[in-house]
């Protein structure tokens, strides 16, 4: 920890152009399997330093993350970035006082998040890389190192989810910068200096070019919404009404995103991290929304 602190202080001082003695009160804010975050103060202002763990080297492309932050820089969309290294992923951001995450059970807050998401998507920002859901499904599975899934019907479930790809591919869609991890915890309601509430979207590690409607599916599966709440979420995004074709496409995305994060959870389980109900629910989304698509597409 002492060695870490010395390196961190030097990096912070150089990045913020302050003396090392002005980097004070370094404390561990978060320590997990992926990132370590430190809270510190300098010249009376609070910041967060993120130091990626070794595990993330195989999961996150830091050059791509850097490109995303350059694309959203200065637009008031994300947290305020003061430093980010495209090689190792070290990042310094402003600490947002009076911030709270979205409550997925609060209908008013969810509607606000969907409006913010829609506004971001309509900016039609571009980067050079994409996020391919099916490629990521295969990638996370490859990290199991030959170990079988804990689900006996995994191969059958995966085959069914892949059957939905032909419908998705046949639909017309825009292709813009998409957050991918647009889950309730990554929407922050922040009170600014004027006392007004701003809505920020943080943690852009997975962002890339995609159909922006994927973000709706990601919000739904992370919040572990039931069918009724999924429909309400879709309607909150599409205030003008959602076509049958797009709604069916969203069912396909929910199934594929469920399998994606289920595979991620299985990889984490091998590392000794259990996600309990969340992990099981993701796998259930893959199965449930395959069936929902099949039923609704016949109507």
Protein backbone atom coordinates (compact mmCIF):
# COMPACT_ATOMS: atom_id res chain seq x y z
CA UNK A 1 0.00 0.00 0.00
CA UNK A 2 2.87 2.39 0.82
CA UNK A 3 4.53 1.67 -2.54
CA UNK A 4 1.17 2.08 -4.28
CA UNK A 5 0.60 5.38 -2.54
CA UNK A 6 4.00 6.73 -3.57
CA UNK A 7 3.39 5.88 -7.23
CA UNK A 8 -0.13 7.25 -7.07
CA UNK A 9 0.98 10.54 -5.55
CA UNK A 10 3.61 11.03 -8.24
CA UNK A 11 1.12 10.29 -11.03
CA UNK A 12 -1.53 12.57 -9.54
CA UNK A 13 0.91 15.44 -9.02
CA UNK A 14 2.18 15.24 -12.59
CA UNK A 15 -1.33 14.94 -14.07
CA UNK A 16 -2.86 17.80 -12.09
CA UNK A 17 0.33 19.87 -12.21
CA UNK A 18 0.54 20.27 -8.45
CA UNK A 19 3.25 19.59 -5.89
CA UNK A 20 3.29 16.11 -4.40
CA UNK A 21 2.70 17.57 -0.94
CA UNK A 22 -0.61 18.96 -2.25
CA UNK A 23 -1.94 15.43 -2.84
CA UNK A 24 -3.58 14.60 0.46
CA UNK A 25 -6.01 12.29 2.26
CA UNK A 26 -5.62 9.26 -0.04
CA UNK A 27 -8.06 6.58 1.03
CA UNK A 28 -9.34 3.39 -0.58
CA UNK A 29 -12.76 4.07 -2.04
CA UNK A 30 -13.32 0.72 -3.71
CA UNK A 31 -11.32 -2.48 -4.03
CA UNK A 32 -12.61 -5.26 -6.23
CA UNK A 33 -11.60 -7.93 -8.70
CA UNK A 34 -11.43 -5.46 -11.59
CA UNK A 35 -10.52 -1.95 -10.44
CA UNK A 36 -9.19 -0.25 -7.34
CA UNK A 37 -10.38 3.27 -6.69
CA UNK A 38 -8.81 5.85 -4.39
CA UNK A 39 -10.33 9.07 -3.10
CA UNK A 40 -7.96 11.97 -2.57
CA UNK A 41 -7.93 15.76 -2.26
CA UNK A 42 -5.74 18.39 -3.87
CA UNK A 43 -6.01 22.12 -3.44
CA UNK A 44 -9.32 21.70 -1.66
CA UNK A 45 -10.95 19.59 -4.38
CA UNK A 46 -11.81 15.89 -4.26
CA UNK A 47 -10.83 13.43 -6.99
CA UNK A 48 -10.97 9.70 -7.70
CA UNK A 49 -8.02 7.73 -9.02
CA UNK A 50 -8.89 4.44 -10.73
CA UNK A 51 -6.18 1.81 -11.00
CA UNK A 52 -7.24 -1.23 -13.05
CA UNK A 53 -6.45 -4.65 -11.67
CA UNK A 54 -4.46 -7.22 -13.62
CA UNK A 55 -7.62 -9.17 -14.46
CA UNK A 56 -8.95 -6.32 -16.57
CA UNK A 57 -6.08 -6.58 -19.06
CA UNK A 58 -7.93 -9.44 -20.75
CA UNK A 59 -11.37 -7.83 -20.47
CA UNK A 60 -11.01 -4.16 -21.36
CA UNK A 61 -9.26 -2.50 -24.28
CA UNK A 62 -7.90 0.69 -22.68
CA UNK A 63 -7.07 2.35 -25.99
CA UNK A 64 -10.69 1.98 -27.02
CA UNK A 65 -11.88 3.34 -23.69
CA UNK A 66 -9.56 6.32 -24.16
CA UNK A 67 -11.04 6.97 -27.61
CA UNK A 68 -14.56 6.95 -26.14
CA UNK A 69 -13.66 9.50 -23.49
CA UNK A 70 -12.21 11.73 -26.19
CA UNK A 71 -15.49 11.46 -28.12
CA UNK A 72 -17.66 12.50 -25.14
CA UNK A 73 -15.21 15.03 -23.73
CA UNK A 74 -16.69 18.45 -23.01
CA UNK A 75 -20.27 17.42 -23.78
CA UNK A 76 -21.43 17.19 -20.17
CA UNK A 77 -22.41 13.55 -20.63
CA UNK A 78 -19.90 11.71 -18.48
CA UNK A 79 -17.95 12.36 -15.30
CA UNK A 80 -15.22 15.02 -15.55
CA UNK A 81 -11.98 13.40 -16.72
CA UNK A 82 -8.67 15.04 -15.76
CA UNK A 83 -6.38 12.23 -16.84
CA UNK A 84 -6.63 8.85 -18.54
CA UNK A 85 -3.79 6.65 -19.76
CA UNK A 86 -4.64 4.68 -22.94
CA UNK A 87 -2.01 2.07 -22.09
CA UNK A 88 -2.68 1.07 -18.49
CA UNK A 89 -6.14 2.56 -17.87
CA UNK A 90 -5.19 4.79 -14.94
CA UNK A 91 -7.85 7.48 -14.70
CA UNK A 92 -8.41 10.59 -12.59
CA UNK A 93 -11.90 12.06 -12.37
CA UNK A 94 -13.57 14.73 -10.29
CA UNK A 95 -15.42 13.41 -7.27
CA UNK A 96 -19.08 14.29 -7.70
CA UNK A 97 -20.53 15.56 -4.44
CA UNK A 98 -24.22 15.07 -3.71
CA UNK A 99 -24.46 12.32 -6.32
CA UNK A 100 -26.77 9.32 -6.22
CA UNK A 101 -27.39 6.48 -8.62
CA UNK A 102 -30.68 5.83 -10.36
CA UNK A 103 -33.24 3.83 -8.41
CA UNK A 104 -34.61 1.36 -11.00
CA UNK A 105 -37.83 1.10 -9.00
CA UNK A 106 -38.44 4.85 -9.19
CA UNK A 107 -40.46 5.44 -12.37
CA UNK A 108 -39.65 9.16 -12.53
CA UNK A 109 -35.92 8.54 -12.30
CA UNK A 110 -36.05 5.77 -14.90
CA UNK A 111 -37.89 8.06 -17.33
CA UNK A 112 -35.21 10.71 -16.78
CA UNK A 113 -32.49 8.14 -17.51
CA UNK A 114 -34.19 7.02 -20.72
CA UNK A 115 -34.50 10.63 -21.88
CA UNK A 116 -30.81 11.22 -21.14
CA UNK A 117 -29.94 8.02 -22.97
CA UNK A 118 -32.06 8.96 -25.99
CA UNK A 119 -30.50 12.44 -26.12
CA UNK A 120 -27.01 10.90 -26.02
CA UNK A 121 -27.83 8.43 -28.77
CA UNK A 122 -29.21 11.18 -31.00
CA UNK A 123 -25.86 12.97 -30.84
CA UNK A 124 -24.71 10.14 -33.15
CA UNK A 125 -21.13 10.18 -31.86
CA UNK A 126 -18.57 8.01 -33.62
CA UNK A 127 -15.49 6.00 -32.66
CA UNK A 128 -13.39 3.55 -34.67
CA UNK A 129 -14.29 0.36 -32.77
CA UNK A 130 -17.46 -1.65 -32.29
CA UNK A 131 -18.94 -3.77 -29.53
CA UNK A 132 -20.02 -7.13 -30.96
CA UNK A 133 -22.34 -8.92 -28.53
CA UNK A 134 -21.89 -12.36 -30.06
CA UNK A 135 -18.13 -12.03 -30.28
CA UNK A 136 -18.08 -11.08 -26.61
CA UNK A 137 -20.24 -14.07 -25.72
CA UNK A 138 -17.62 -16.28 -27.35
CA UNK A 139 -14.77 -14.35 -25.73
CA UNK A 140 -16.11 -14.74 -22.20
CA UNK A 141 -16.74 -18.43 -22.85
CA UNK A 142 -13.13 -18.81 -24.01
CA UNK A 143 -11.99 -17.49 -20.63
CA UNK A 144 -13.47 -20.57 -18.97
CA UNK A 145 -10.35 -22.42 -20.18
CA UNK A 146 -12.25 -25.49 -21.30
CA UNK A 147 -14.43 -25.78 -18.23
CA UNK A 148 -18.09 -26.60 -19.01
CA UNK A 149 -20.92 -24.28 -18.11
CA UNK A 150 -22.62 -24.84 -14.79
CA UNK A 151 -25.92 -24.96 -16.71
CA UNK A 152 -26.70 -28.37 -18.18
CA UNK A 153 -28.71 -26.92 -21.06
CA UNK A 154 -26.15 -24.22 -21.89
CA UNK A 155 -25.40 -25.42 -25.43
CA UNK A 156 -29.10 -25.61 -26.26
CA UNK A 157 -29.74 -22.16 -24.78
CA UNK A 158 -26.80 -20.67 -26.65
CA UNK A 159 -28.00 -22.18 -29.92
CA UNK A 160 -31.45 -20.64 -29.44
CA UNK A 161 -30.01 -17.21 -28.65
CA UNK A 162 -27.94 -17.38 -31.82
CA UNK A 163 -31.08 -18.18 -33.81
CA UNK A 164 -32.29 -14.67 -32.94
CA UNK A 165 -29.28 -13.10 -34.66
CA UNK A 166 -30.82 -13.48 -38.12
CA UNK A 167 -33.82 -11.37 -37.09
CA UNK A 168 -31.60 -8.68 -35.56
CA UNK A 169 -29.34 -8.57 -38.62
CA UNK A 170 -32.35 -8.15 -40.92
CA UNK A 171 -33.62 -5.04 -39.10
CA UNK A 172 -32.68 -1.55 -40.20
CA UNK A 173 -30.76 0.25 -37.48
CA UNK A 174 -28.60 3.26 -36.81
CA UNK A 175 -24.98 2.71 -35.78
CA UNK A 176 -23.68 5.15 -33.19
CA UNK A 177 -21.56 5.27 -30.07
CA UNK A 178 -23.43 3.15 -27.53
CA UNK A 179 -22.60 2.96 -23.84
CA UNK A 180 -23.21 -0.83 -23.54
CA UNK A 181 -23.08 -0.69 -19.72
CA UNK A 182 -25.94 1.80 -19.39
CA UNK A 183 -27.25 0.27 -16.19
CA UNK A 184 -29.00 2.07 -13.29
CA UNK A 185 -25.80 2.23 -11.22
CA UNK A 186 -24.02 4.15 -13.97
CA UNK A 187 -26.57 6.97 -14.12
CA UNK A 188 -25.71 9.62 -11.54
CA UNK A 189 -28.05 12.38 -10.42
CA UNK A 190 -25.73 15.22 -9.42
CA UNK A 191 -26.57 18.54 -7.79
CA UNK A 192 -24.52 21.32 -9.39
CA UNK A 193 -23.35 24.60 -7.84
CA UNK A 194 -26.61 26.28 -8.82
CA UNK A 195 -28.67 23.66 -7.00
CA UNK A 196 -29.93 22.12 -10.24
CA UNK A 197 -29.84 18.37 -10.87
CA UNK A 198 -27.67 17.08 -13.70
CA UNK A 199 -27.73 13.52 -14.97
CA UNK A 200 -24.35 11.98 -15.81
CA UNK A 201 -23.50 8.63 -17.36
CA UNK A 202 -20.27 7.09 -16.05
CA UNK A 203 -18.08 3.99 -16.63
CA UNK A 204 -17.55 3.80 -20.40
CA UNK A 205 -15.23 0.79 -20.39
CA UNK A 206 -17.35 -1.30 -22.78
CA UNK A 207 -18.64 1.51 -25.04
CA UNK A 208 -18.37 1.23 -28.81
CA UNK A 209 -20.32 1.48 -32.03
CA UNK A 210 -23.56 -0.49 -31.85
CA UNK A 211 -27.29 -0.28 -32.31
CA UNK A 212 -28.16 2.15 -29.47
CA UNK A 213 -31.22 0.09 -28.56
CA UNK A 214 -28.81 -2.39 -26.95
CA UNK A 215 -28.50 0.12 -24.09
CA UNK A 216 -32.19 -0.32 -23.26
CA UNK A 217 -31.75 -4.08 -23.00
CA UNK A 218 -28.69 -3.66 -20.79
CA UNK A 219 -30.58 -1.41 -18.39
CA UNK A 220 -33.41 -3.95 -18.17
CA UNK A 221 -31.30 -7.04 -17.47
CA UNK A 222 -29.13 -5.33 -14.87
CA UNK A 223 -32.22 -4.00 -13.07
CA UNK A 224 -33.59 -7.57 -13.27
CA UNK A 225 -36.91 -6.27 -14.57
CA UNK A 226 -39.89 -8.54 -15.08
CA UNK A 227 -41.84 -8.46 -18.36
CA UNK A 228 -44.16 -5.66 -17.28
CA UNK A 229 -41.30 -3.40 -16.25
CA UNK A 230 -39.41 -4.18 -19.45
CA UNK A 231 -42.39 -2.97 -21.49
CA UNK A 232 -42.65 0.18 -19.36
CA UNK A 233 -38.93 0.82 -19.87
CA UNK A 234 -39.26 0.51 -23.65
CA UNK A 235 -42.18 2.94 -23.63
CA UNK A 236 -40.16 5.40 -21.53
CA UNK A 237 -37.47 5.50 -24.22
CA UNK A 238 -39.84 5.60 -27.18
CA UNK A 239 -42.24 8.34 -26.14
CA UNK A 240 -43.54 8.45 -29.71
CA UNK A 241 -44.37 4.74 -29.53
CA UNK A 242 -42.30 1.67 -30.31
CA UNK A 243 -42.96 -0.33 -33.46
CA UNK A 244 -43.58 -4.06 -33.26
CA UNK A 245 -40.37 -4.76 -35.20
CA UNK A 246 -38.21 -2.75 -32.82
CA UNK A 247 -39.87 -4.29 -29.77
CA UNK A 248 -39.14 -7.76 -31.13
CA UNK A 249 -35.55 -6.71 -31.76
CA UNK A 250 -35.30 -5.56 -28.15
CA UNK A 251 -36.48 -8.99 -26.96
CA UNK A 252 -33.62 -10.47 -28.99
CA UNK A 253 -31.17 -8.07 -27.38
CA UNK A 254 -32.39 -8.92 -23.89
CA UNK A 255 -31.85 -12.62 -24.58
CA UNK A 256 -28.36 -12.10 -26.01
CA UNK A 257 -27.32 -9.62 -23.31
CA UNK A 258 -28.52 -12.06 -20.67
CA UNK A 259 -26.31 -14.79 -22.13
CA UNK A 260 -23.40 -12.36 -22.44
CA UNK A 261 -23.42 -11.41 -18.77
CA UNK A 262 -24.18 -14.97 -17.71
CA UNK A 263 -20.95 -16.02 -19.43
CA UNK A 264 -19.13 -13.14 -17.73
CA UNK A 265 -20.48 -14.31 -14.36
CA UNK A 266 -19.30 -17.86 -15.06
CA UNK A 267 -15.80 -16.53 -15.72
CA UNK A 268 -15.90 -14.52 -12.49
CA UNK A 269 -17.09 -17.62 -10.63
CA UNK A 270 -13.88 -19.39 -11.67
CA UNK A 271 -12.00 -16.51 -10.05
CA UNK A 272 -13.91 -17.03 -6.82
CA UNK A 273 -16.48 -14.24 -7.22
CA UNK A 274 -20.13 -15.23 -6.92
CA UNK A 275 -23.00 -13.02 -8.10
CA UNK A 276 -25.84 -15.12 -6.74
CA UNK A 277 -29.30 -14.21 -8.02
CA UNK A 278 -27.91 -11.77 -10.59
CA UNK A 279 -25.93 -14.52 -12.31
CA UNK A 280 -28.89 -16.91 -12.46
CA UNK A 281 -31.25 -14.18 -13.63
CA UNK A 282 -29.01 -13.33 -16.59
CA UNK A 283 -29.14 -16.91 -17.80
CA UNK A 284 -32.90 -16.93 -17.34
CA UNK A 285 -33.20 -13.83 -19.54
CA UNK A 286 -31.54 -15.74 -22.37
CA UNK A 287 -34.10 -18.53 -22.12
CA UNK A 288 -37.15 -16.44 -21.27
CA UNK A 289 -36.79 -13.82 -23.99
CA UNK A 290 -36.07 -16.39 -26.66
CA UNK A 291 -39.50 -17.80 -25.84
CA UNK A 292 -41.10 -14.35 -25.69
CA UNK A 293 -39.69 -13.52 -29.12
CA UNK A 294 -40.97 -16.78 -30.56
CA UNK A 295 -44.45 -16.18 -29.16
CA UNK A 296 -44.72 -12.50 -30.11
CA UNK A 297 -43.24 -12.92 -33.60
CA UNK A 298 -46.08 -15.28 -34.53
CA UNK A 299 -48.74 -12.69 -33.77
